Amino acid sequence: MHIQSGFDLLVYPGPKVSGVKPANASAQHAAPSEGARAPVPTDKVTISDAARAMAAKESGATQARTPIQEKMLADAASGGPEFAARMAEEMGTLPSTIFYNVRDTKGWEPLTKLSSTGRHIDEAFKERMSIEMAAVDAQRQALYNTEKAKGTNPVDIVAKMIDFTNAQSRDYLEASGWIAR
């Protein structure tokens, strides 16, 4: 829930009992009755992580935006247009790769464990991912080039890159380190 400056969040024990009050209001008010809530025009309601995940599945995404991805967007927006443009370009042009967990691996042993989830993979998975990653990279590059040519705001391009990546297969998200436990 986002509350504008000058408001305090009130939370009382019990189901569905919360509210807001102006920061300068008296703290001696009683808790609101069950289900009662005074309308405050500055409330901004957000959905839960579970609801966000359900919405992502309905939109075709494999995963919903994560808090880290939301932070990436906020950083792109606050870093200025040049920073956002560089971030968008890197997201659009850098190739995908498989991220391996090298912990407890000796130098002569093959890499078979993904860093994101610890999943053990075989050569067939590696081959399949190299083909899938090449296709995803080409699509991402095309998306970036199209949006840049249209003059899309770099922060919006970053958002589109995040959403595009989130729509990829779970195997891709695990292999590329985009999804974590």
Protein backbone atom coordinates (compact mmCIF):
# COMPACT_ATOMS: atom_id res chain seq x y z
CA MET A 1 0.00 0.00 0.00
CA HIS A 2 1.38 3.42 -0.91
CA ILE A 3 0.42 6.23 1.41
CA GLN A 4 1.24 9.80 0.51
CA SER A 5 3.42 11.83 2.82
CA GLY A 6 1.54 13.13 5.82
CA PHE A 7 -0.39 9.91 6.48
CA ASP A 8 0.35 7.14 8.97
CA LEU A 9 -0.63 3.53 8.47
CA LEU A 10 -2.79 2.04 11.20
CA VAL A 11 -2.86 -1.71 11.60
CA TYR A 12 -4.92 -3.46 14.27
CA PRO A 13 -4.85 -7.14 15.19
CA GLY A 14 -7.53 -9.08 13.41
CA PRO A 15 -8.59 -9.81 9.87
CA LYS A 16 -8.97 -6.96 7.39
CA VAL A 17 -8.58 -4.19 9.94
CA SER A 18 -6.33 -1.40 8.79
CA GLY A 19 -6.63 2.19 7.84
CA VAL A 20 -4.90 5.49 7.39
CA LYS A 21 -5.08 8.70 9.30
CA PRO A 22 -3.50 12.09 8.78
CA ALA A 23 -0.18 12.28 10.61
CA ASN A 24 -1.38 15.22 12.70
CA ALA A 25 -4.61 13.49 13.79
CA SER A 26 -5.10 12.50 17.39
CA ALA A 27 -3.72 9.04 18.21
CA GLN A 28 -6.58 8.43 20.66
CA HIS A 29 -9.04 7.17 18.03
CA ALA A 30 -10.42 3.70 18.58
CA ALA A 31 -9.72 0.92 16.12
CA PRO A 32 -12.18 0.86 13.23
CA SER A 33 -14.94 -1.69 13.50
CA GLU A 34 -14.69 -4.89 11.45
CA GLY A 35 -15.06 -4.06 7.77
CA ALA A 36 -15.46 -0.31 8.38
CA ARG A 37 -13.04 2.02 6.64
CA ALA A 38 -13.17 5.71 6.09
CA PRO A 39 -12.44 6.51 2.43
CA VAL A 40 -9.18 8.34 1.93
CA PRO A 41 -8.64 9.61 -1.61
CA THR A 42 -4.84 9.20 -1.44
CA ASP A 43 -4.89 5.42 -0.94
CA LYS A 44 -3.16 3.37 -3.62
CA VAL A 45 -4.00 -0.30 -3.43
CA THR A 46 -1.52 -2.89 -4.71
CA ILE A 47 -1.99 -6.58 -5.31
CA SER A 48 -0.33 -9.37 -3.39
CA ASP A 49 2.54 -11.44 -4.77
CA ALA A 50 0.16 -14.37 -5.22
CA ALA A 51 -2.28 -12.26 -7.23
CA ARG A 52 0.59 -10.80 -9.26
CA ALA A 53 1.79 -14.34 -10.08
CA MET A 54 -1.72 -15.35 -11.15
CA ALA A 55 -1.97 -12.28 -13.39
CA ALA A 56 1.41 -13.08 -14.92
CA LYS A 57 0.28 -16.60 -15.79
CA GLU A 58 -2.85 -15.22 -17.43
CA SER A 59 -0.75 -12.75 -19.46
CA GLY A 60 1.54 -15.52 -20.72
CA ALA A 61 4.48 -14.71 -18.44
CA THR A 62 6.35 -17.52 -16.75
CA GLN A 63 6.96 -15.33 -13.74
CA ALA A 64 5.70 -11.98 -12.52
CA ARG A 65 8.07 -9.08 -11.96
CA THR A 66 10.16 -9.66 -8.88
CA PRO A 67 11.12 -7.00 -6.32
CA ILE A 68 14.63 -7.00 -7.80
CA GLN A 69 13.21 -6.33 -11.26
CA GLU A 70 11.04 -3.52 -9.87
CA LYS A 71 14.22 -2.07 -8.32
CA MET A 72 15.94 -2.29 -11.71
CA LEU A 73 13.12 -0.20 -13.18
CA ALA A 74 13.32 2.31 -10.35
CA ASP A 75 17.09 2.57 -10.79
CA ALA A 76 16.66 3.07 -14.54
CA ALA A 77 14.14 5.83 -13.91
CA SER A 78 16.17 7.59 -11.24
CA GLY A 79 19.57 7.21 -12.94
CA GLY A 80 18.76 9.63 -15.72
CA PRO A 81 18.12 9.13 -19.43
CA GLU A 82 21.71 8.17 -20.33
CA PHE A 83 21.84 5.50 -17.62
CA ALA A 84 18.45 4.11 -18.66
CA ALA A 85 19.51 4.12 -22.33
CA ARG A 86 22.71 2.20 -21.49
CA MET A 87 20.75 -0.29 -19.36
CA ALA A 88 18.20 -0.81 -22.15
CA GLU A 89 20.96 -1.30 -24.74
CA GLU A 90 22.78 -3.84 -22.59
CA MET A 91 19.58 -5.74 -21.89
CA GLY A 92 18.77 -5.74 -25.60
CA THR A 93 22.17 -6.68 -26.97
CA LEU A 94 24.14 -8.80 -24.49
CA PRO A 95 23.88 -12.52 -25.23
CA SER A 96 22.25 -14.98 -22.85
CA THR A 97 24.44 -17.51 -21.13
CA ILE A 98 24.05 -20.43 -18.77
CA PHE A 99 25.09 -19.54 -15.23
CA TYR A 100 26.67 -22.45 -13.40
CA ASN A 101 27.21 -23.06 -9.73
CA VAL A 102 30.96 -23.65 -9.42
CA ARG A 103 30.98 -24.07 -5.67
CA ASP A 104 32.49 -27.37 -4.61
CA THR A 105 33.47 -28.14 -8.22
CA LYS A 106 37.03 -29.17 -8.95
CA GLY A 107 38.70 -27.75 -12.05
CA TRP A 108 38.49 -30.97 -14.07
CA GLU A 109 34.83 -31.73 -13.33
CA PRO A 110 32.16 -30.76 -15.87
CA LEU A 111 29.77 -27.99 -14.86
CA THR A 112 26.36 -29.54 -14.31
CA LYS A 113 24.64 -27.44 -11.66
CA LEU A 114 22.69 -24.21 -12.31
CA SER A 115 23.55 -21.30 -10.04
CA SER A 116 19.98 -20.05 -9.77
CA THR A 117 18.28 -23.17 -8.44
CA GLY A 118 20.99 -25.78 -8.00
CA ARG A 119 19.30 -27.98 -10.60
CA HIS A 120 21.59 -30.59 -12.15
CA ILE A 121 21.60 -30.52 -15.95
CA ASP A 122 22.97 -32.73 -18.70
CA GLU A 123 24.49 -32.15 -22.15
CA ALA A 124 21.09 -32.39 -23.84
CA PHE A 125 19.82 -29.52 -21.66
CA LYS A 126 22.92 -27.46 -22.53
CA GLU A 127 22.38 -28.04 -26.25
CA ARG A 128 18.67 -27.22 -26.03
CA MET A 129 19.45 -24.04 -24.08
CA SER A 130 22.06 -22.87 -26.59
CA ILE A 131 19.41 -23.06 -29.33
CA GLU A 132 16.69 -21.45 -27.19
CA MET A 133 19.01 -18.71 -25.94
CA ALA A 134 20.05 -17.81 -29.49
CA ALA A 135 16.39 -17.48 -30.50
CA VAL A 136 15.54 -15.41 -27.40
CA ASP A 137 18.56 -13.15 -28.00
CA ALA A 138 17.47 -12.51 -31.59
CA GLN A 139 13.92 -11.67 -30.48
CA ARG A 140 15.18 -9.44 -27.67
CA GLN A 141 17.53 -7.62 -30.08
CA ALA A 142 14.65 -7.09 -32.51
CA LEU A 143 12.43 -5.77 -29.70
CA TYR A 144 15.16 -3.39 -28.56
CA ASN A 145 15.86 -2.13 -32.09
CA THR A 146 12.15 -1.62 -32.81
CA GLU A 147 11.49 0.28 -29.59
CA LYS A 148 14.62 2.41 -29.96
CA ALA A 149 13.67 3.28 -33.58
CA LYS A 150 10.19 4.34 -32.39
CA GLY A 151 11.80 6.66 -29.85
CA THR A 152 10.41 4.78 -26.85
CA ASN A 153 11.56 6.09 -23.49
CA PRO A 154 14.56 3.98 -22.34
CA VAL A 155 12.86 3.20 -18.99
CA ASP A 156 9.90 1.80 -20.92
CA ILE A 157 12.31 -0.25 -23.04
CA VAL A 158 13.84 -1.69 -19.85
CA ALA A 159 10.32 -2.59 -18.66
CA LYS A 160 9.58 -4.30 -21.98
CA MET A 161 12.88 -6.21 -21.76
CA ILE A 162 12.03 -7.42 -18.26
CA ASP A 163 8.52 -8.48 -19.28
CA PHE A 164 9.84 -10.17 -22.44
CA THR A 165 12.37 -12.16 -20.41
CA ASN A 166 9.76 -13.09 -17.79
CA ALA A 167 7.65 -14.61 -20.59
CA GLN A 168 10.37 -17.15 -21.50
CA SER A 169 10.34 -20.80 -20.49
CA ARG A 170 11.14 -21.81 -16.95
CA ASP A 171 14.20 -23.68 -18.23
CA TYR A 172 15.47 -20.47 -19.84
CA LEU A 173 14.84 -18.45 -16.67
CA GLU A 174 16.68 -21.01 -14.54
CA ALA A 175 19.62 -21.41 -16.93
CA SER A 176 20.14 -17.68 -17.45
CA GLY A 177 19.95 -16.94 -13.72
CA TRP A 178 16.82 -14.85 -14.20
CA ILE A 179 14.86 -16.89 -11.69
CA ALA A 180 16.06 -17.73 -8.22
CA ARG A 181 14.96 -20.01 -5.44
